[in-house]
Amino acid sequence: MSIKSMRRCASTAVRAAAAAALAVALPAAAAQATPATSGTEFATTAELMAASNLSGTVYTTGDETADDGAGMSYTITDTLPDGIEGNIAVPLADGTWAVPQGLPTAPTRASNSTQVEDLIARGESFYDAGTALVWDSSRPTPLTGTVYTVPRRRPTGSPAPPS
């Protein structure tokens, strides 16, 4: 694989990660489920996973321990859903699935293309620098609150990328 091909692959990966990071703003924690009297309730996700013969909506009061603040409501399905819901569905002992309710399955806000392009450019500059990237303690860091940017320039100390 040539250097240009490797850079193109890395650039694509950086672009995808940047777009995803800026486009998806998931809530800090899912809203805790409020059990209805008609659903089955479990203390933890592990207890839910050990259950069989469930249907409808079920609830957990916690994830690792009861009332740990991570309780959720789930819809029981016979088959694993496609897409994002399939990635987060909880397998149950009898081969059915508990699908979390109320979680976003798409970006909750539009991405800002200017911010995405800036993030991509920064990521590519670090990739281009490779192992030649060096720390310069005389320059400001993110912890100082000072932002240092030079458009279209490689990080300090990095050689020109190979052609």
C-alpha atoms as a PDB file:
ATOM      1  CA  MET A   1       0.000   0.000   0.000  1.00  0.00           C
ATOM      2  CA  SER A   2       1.422   3.372  -0.973  1.00  0.00           C
ATOM      3  CA  ILE A   3       1.834   6.341   1.364  1.00  0.00           C
ATOM      4  CA  LYS A   4      -0.878   8.211  -0.558  1.00  0.00           C
ATOM      5  CA  SER A   5      -3.294   5.282  -0.141  1.00  0.00           C
ATOM      6  CA  MET A   6      -2.528   5.045   3.568  1.00  0.00           C
ATOM      7  CA  ARG A   7      -3.065   8.791   3.995  1.00  0.00           C
ATOM      8  CA  ARG A   8      -6.351   8.621   2.087  1.00  0.00           C
ATOM      9  CA  CYS A   9      -7.570   5.757   4.330  1.00  0.00           C
ATOM     10  CA  ALA A  10      -6.546   7.602   7.477  1.00  0.00           C
ATOM     11  CA  SER A  11      -8.107  10.805   6.181  1.00  0.00           C
ATOM     12  CA  THR A  12     -11.385   8.994   5.526  1.00  0.00           C
ATOM     13  CA  ALA A  13     -11.326   7.512   9.026  1.00  0.00           C
ATOM     14  CA  VAL A  14     -10.585  10.906  10.592  1.00  0.00           C
ATOM     15  CA  ARG A  15     -13.400  12.513   8.571  1.00  0.00           C
ATOM     16  CA  ALA A  16     -15.910   9.838   9.598  1.00  0.00           C
ATOM     17  CA  ALA A  17     -14.944  10.066  13.269  1.00  0.00           C
ATOM     18  CA  ALA A  18     -15.070  13.863  13.228  1.00  0.00           C
ATOM     19  CA  ALA A  19     -18.482  13.973  11.603  1.00  0.00           C
ATOM     20  CA  ALA A  20     -19.851  11.425  14.029  1.00  0.00           C
ATOM     21  CA  ALA A  21     -18.374  13.201  17.045  1.00  0.00           C
ATOM     22  CA  LEU A  22     -19.837  16.543  16.106  1.00  0.00           C
ATOM     23  CA  ALA A  23     -23.172  15.323  14.783  1.00  0.00           C
ATOM     24  CA  VAL A  24     -24.260  13.049  17.606  1.00  0.00           C
ATOM     25  CA  ALA A  25     -24.995  14.594  20.954  1.00  0.00           C
ATOM     26  CA  LEU A  26     -26.349  11.794  23.084  1.00  0.00           C
ATOM     27  CA  PRO A  27     -27.741  12.639  26.483  1.00  0.00           C
ATOM     28  CA  ALA A  28     -25.318  12.142  29.377  1.00  0.00           C
ATOM     29  CA  ALA A  29     -27.505   9.361  30.740  1.00  0.00           C
ATOM     30  CA  ALA A  30     -30.740   7.772  29.702  1.00  0.00           C
ATOM     31  CA  ALA A  31     -33.772   8.914  31.605  1.00  0.00           C
ATOM     32  CA  GLN A  32     -34.498   6.473  34.377  1.00  0.00           C
ATOM     33  CA  ALA A  33     -37.486   4.331  33.592  1.00  0.00           C
ATOM     34  CA  THR A  34     -40.636   4.822  35.587  1.00  0.00           C
ATOM     35  CA  PRO A  35     -42.194   1.388  35.919  1.00  0.00           C
ATOM     36  CA  ALA A  36     -45.856   1.004  35.123  1.00  0.00           C
ATOM     37  CA  THR A  37     -47.882  -1.487  37.069  1.00  0.00           C
ATOM     38  CA  SER A  38     -48.380  -3.656  33.954  1.00  0.00           C
ATOM     39  CA  GLY A  39     -44.659  -4.346  33.255  1.00  0.00           C
ATOM     40  CA  THR A  40     -42.185  -6.744  34.796  1.00  0.00           C
ATOM     41  CA  GLU A  41     -39.401  -5.162  36.823  1.00  0.00           C
ATOM     42  CA  PHE A  42     -35.838  -6.387  37.422  1.00  0.00           C
ATOM     43  CA  ALA A  43     -33.197  -4.968  39.760  1.00  0.00           C
ATOM     44  CA  THR A  44     -30.293  -5.268  37.287  1.00  0.00           C
ATOM     45  CA  THR A  45     -29.566  -5.926  33.627  1.00  0.00           C
ATOM     46  CA  ALA A  46     -27.994  -9.278  34.596  1.00  0.00           C
ATOM     47  CA  GLU A  47     -31.321 -10.361  36.159  1.00  0.00           C
ATOM     48  CA  LEU A  48     -33.129  -9.275  32.989  1.00  0.00           C
ATOM     49  CA  MET A  49     -30.708 -11.299  30.829  1.00  0.00           C
ATOM     50  CA  ALA A  50     -31.429 -14.433  32.876  1.00  0.00           C
ATOM     51  CA  ALA A  51     -35.197 -14.130  32.400  1.00  0.00           C
ATOM     52  CA  SER A  52     -37.393 -16.071  29.961  1.00  0.00           C
ATOM     53  CA  ASN A  53     -40.946 -15.902  28.619  1.00  0.00           C
ATOM     54  CA  LEU A  54     -41.205 -12.106  28.729  1.00  0.00           C
ATOM     55  CA  SER A  55     -43.356  -9.919  26.511  1.00  0.00           C
ATOM     56  CA  GLY A  56     -44.345  -6.313  26.147  1.00  0.00           C
ATOM     57  CA  THR A  57     -42.404  -3.755  28.167  1.00  0.00           C
ATOM     58  CA  VAL A  58     -40.067  -4.606  31.048  1.00  0.00           C
ATOM     59  CA  TYR A  59     -38.019  -2.394  33.356  1.00  0.00           C
ATOM     60  CA  THR A  60     -34.767  -2.426  35.272  1.00  0.00           C
ATOM     61  CA  THR A  61     -34.194  -0.242  38.317  1.00  0.00           C
ATOM     62  CA  GLY A  62     -30.446  -0.286  37.723  1.00  0.00           C
ATOM     63  CA  ASP A  63     -27.677  -1.679  35.558  1.00  0.00           C
ATOM     64  CA  GLU A  64     -24.926  -3.130  37.776  1.00  0.00           C
ATOM     65  CA  THR A  65     -26.841  -2.779  41.046  1.00  0.00           C
ATOM     66  CA  ALA A  66     -30.426  -1.940  41.887  1.00  0.00           C
ATOM     67  CA  ASP A  67     -31.150   1.796  41.888  1.00  0.00           C
ATOM     68  CA  ASP A  68     -27.694   2.769  40.545  1.00  0.00           C
ATOM     69  CA  GLY A  69     -29.308   5.441  38.379  1.00  0.00           C
ATOM     70  CA  ALA A  70     -29.146   3.442  35.163  1.00  0.00           C
ATOM     71  CA  GLY A  71     -32.608   1.906  35.132  1.00  0.00           C
ATOM     72  CA  MET A  72     -34.289   1.602  31.743  1.00  0.00           C
ATOM     73  CA  SER A  73     -37.394   0.407  30.010  1.00  0.00           C
ATOM     74  CA  TYR A  74     -37.161  -2.254  27.285  1.00  0.00           C
ATOM     75  CA  THR A  75     -39.438  -3.677  24.612  1.00  0.00           C
ATOM     76  CA  ILE A  76     -39.243  -7.451  24.221  1.00  0.00           C
ATOM     77  CA  THR A  77     -38.865  -8.734  20.629  1.00  0.00           C
ATOM     78  CA  ASP A  78     -38.481 -12.216  19.153  1.00  0.00           C
ATOM     79  CA  THR A  79     -35.783 -11.193  16.677  1.00  0.00           C
ATOM     80  CA  LEU A  80     -32.686  -9.026  16.897  1.00  0.00           C
ATOM     81  CA  PRO A  81     -33.508  -5.595  15.425  1.00  0.00           C
ATOM     82  CA  ASP A  82     -31.426  -4.204  12.563  1.00  0.00           C
ATOM     83  CA  GLY A  83     -29.082  -1.238  12.872  1.00  0.00           C
ATOM     84  CA  ILE A  84     -28.321   0.690  16.023  1.00  0.00           C
ATOM     85  CA  GLU A  85     -31.105  -0.915  18.049  1.00  0.00           C
ATOM     86  CA  GLY A  86     -29.649  -4.343  17.280  1.00  0.00           C
ATOM     87  CA  ASN A  87     -26.269  -3.182  18.558  1.00  0.00           C
ATOM     88  CA  ILE A  88     -27.697  -2.210  21.946  1.00  0.00           C
ATOM     89  CA  ALA A  89     -30.360  -4.920  22.379  1.00  0.00           C
ATOM     90  CA  VAL A  90     -29.919  -7.147  25.422  1.00  0.00           C
ATOM     91  CA  PRO A  91     -30.050 -10.925  24.782  1.00  0.00           C
ATOM     92  CA  LEU A  92     -32.372 -12.869  27.059  1.00  0.00           C
ATOM     93  CA  ALA A  93     -32.058 -16.476  28.255  1.00  0.00           C
ATOM     94  CA  ASP A  94     -34.730 -17.801  25.886  1.00  0.00           C
ATOM     95  CA  GLY A  95     -33.282 -16.238  22.705  1.00  0.00           C
ATOM     96  CA  THR A  96     -35.523 -13.169  22.698  1.00  0.00           C
ATOM     97  CA  TRP A  97     -34.228  -9.607  22.901  1.00  0.00           C
ATOM     98  CA  ALA A  98     -34.844  -6.617  25.182  1.00  0.00           C
ATOM     99  CA  VAL A  99     -34.516  -3.394  23.157  1.00  0.00           C
ATOM    100  CA  PRO A 100     -33.931  -0.213  25.185  1.00  0.00           C
ATOM    101  CA  GLN A 101     -36.644   2.427  24.765  1.00  0.00           C
ATOM    102  CA  GLY A 102     -36.165   6.156  24.434  1.00  0.00           C
ATOM    103  CA  LEU A 103     -32.544   6.282  23.246  1.00  0.00           C
ATOM    104  CA  PRO A 104     -31.756   8.400  20.167  1.00  0.00           C
ATOM    105  CA  THR A 105     -31.098   6.329  17.033  1.00  0.00           C
ATOM    106  CA  ALA A 106     -30.004   9.251  14.865  1.00  0.00           C
ATOM    107  CA  PRO A 107     -28.044  12.464  15.414  1.00  0.00           C
ATOM    108  CA  THR A 108     -29.911  14.822  17.702  1.00  0.00           C
ATOM    109  CA  ARG A 109     -28.604  17.929  15.943  1.00  0.00           C
ATOM    110  CA  ALA A 110     -27.154  18.946  12.604  1.00  0.00           C
ATOM    111  CA  SER A 111     -23.396  19.005  12.228  1.00  0.00           C
ATOM    112  CA  ASN A 112     -21.517  22.247  11.672  1.00  0.00           C
ATOM    113  CA  SER A 113     -19.498  21.741   8.467  1.00  0.00           C
ATOM    114  CA  THR A 114     -16.954  24.425   9.401  1.00  0.00           C
ATOM    115  CA  GLN A 115     -16.225  22.710  12.714  1.00  0.00           C
ATOM    116  CA  VAL A 116     -16.057  19.309  11.033  1.00  0.00           C
ATOM    117  CA  GLU A 117     -13.554  20.550   8.436  1.00  0.00           C
ATOM    118  CA  ASP A 118     -11.442  22.178  11.177  1.00  0.00           C
ATOM    119  CA  LEU A 119     -11.413  18.969  13.195  1.00  0.00           C
ATOM    120  CA  ILE A 120     -10.480  16.965  10.097  1.00  0.00           C
ATOM    121  CA  ALA A 121      -7.624  19.333   9.242  1.00  0.00           C
ATOM    122  CA  ARG A 122      -6.267  19.104  12.788  1.00  0.00           C
ATOM    123  CA  GLY A 123      -6.458  15.312  12.781  1.00  0.00           C
ATOM    124  CA  GLU A 124      -4.729  15.095   9.420  1.00  0.00           C
ATOM    125  CA  SER A 125      -1.915  17.366  10.616  1.00  0.00           C
ATOM    126  CA  PHE A 126      -1.192  14.998  13.506  1.00  0.00           C
ATOM    127  CA  TYR A 127      -1.320  12.007  11.170  1.00  0.00           C
ATOM    128  CA  ASP A 128       1.086  13.753   8.775  1.00  0.00           C
ATOM    129  CA  ALA A 129       3.497  14.493  11.633  1.00  0.00           C
ATOM    130  CA  GLY A 130       3.632  10.849  12.677  1.00  0.00           C
ATOM    131  CA  THR A 131       6.400   9.998  15.113  1.00  0.00           C
ATOM    132  CA  ALA A 132       8.143  13.297  14.372  1.00  0.00           C
ATOM    133  CA  LEU A 133       5.591  15.136  16.500  1.00  0.00           C
ATOM    134  CA  VAL A 134       7.446  16.572  19.486  1.00  0.00           C
ATOM    135  CA  TRP A 135       6.384  18.382  22.629  1.00  0.00           C
ATOM    136  CA  ASP A 136       7.452  22.017  22.962  1.00  0.00           C
ATOM    137  CA  SER A 137       6.956  23.051  26.587  1.00  0.00           C
ATOM    138  CA  SER A 138       7.468  26.730  25.727  1.00  0.00           C
ATOM    139  CA  ARG A 139       4.177  26.851  23.810  1.00  0.00           C
ATOM    140  CA  PRO A 140       0.694  27.131  25.312  1.00  0.00           C
ATOM    141  CA  THR A 141      -1.258  23.952  26.035  1.00  0.00           C
ATOM    142  CA  PRO A 142      -5.029  23.407  26.035  1.00  0.00           C
ATOM    143  CA  LEU A 143      -4.870  23.661  29.832  1.00  0.00           C
ATOM    144  CA  THR A 144      -3.714  27.296  29.652  1.00  0.00           C
ATOM    145  CA  GLY A 145      -6.935  28.337  27.927  1.00  0.00           C
ATOM    146  CA  THR A 146      -4.926  29.745  25.029  1.00  0.00           C
ATOM    147  CA  VAL A 147      -5.712  28.288  21.624  1.00  0.00           C
ATOM    148  CA  TYR A 148      -2.814  28.170  19.204  1.00  0.00           C
ATOM    149  CA  THR A 149      -3.709  27.653  15.552  1.00  0.00           C
ATOM    150  CA  VAL A 150      -1.829  28.216  12.351  1.00  0.00           C
ATOM    151  CA  PRO A 151      -3.962  27.360   9.337  1.00  0.00           C
ATOM    152  CA  ARG A 152      -2.543  24.790   6.905  1.00  0.00           C
ATOM    153  CA  ARG A 153       0.634  24.176   8.915  1.00  0.00           C
ATOM    154  CA  ARG A 154       1.970  20.910  10.317  1.00  0.00           C
ATOM    155  CA  PRO A 155       2.468  20.573  14.081  1.00  0.00           C
ATOM    156  CA  THR A 156       5.707  21.955  15.479  1.00  0.00           C
ATOM    157  CA  GLY A 157       8.745  19.828  14.730  1.00  0.00           C
ATOM    158  CA  SER A 158       7.130  17.652  12.090  1.00  0.00           C
ATOM    159  CA  PRO A 159       8.919  17.046   8.805  1.00  0.00           C
ATOM    160  CA  ALA A 160       7.246  17.343   5.445  1.00  0.00           C
ATOM    161  CA  PRO A 161       5.170  14.230   4.713  1.00  0.00           C
ATOM    162  CA  PRO A 162       6.737  11.680   2.358  1.00  0.00           C
ATOM    163  CA  SER A 163       5.495  11.828  -1.208  1.00  0.00           C
END
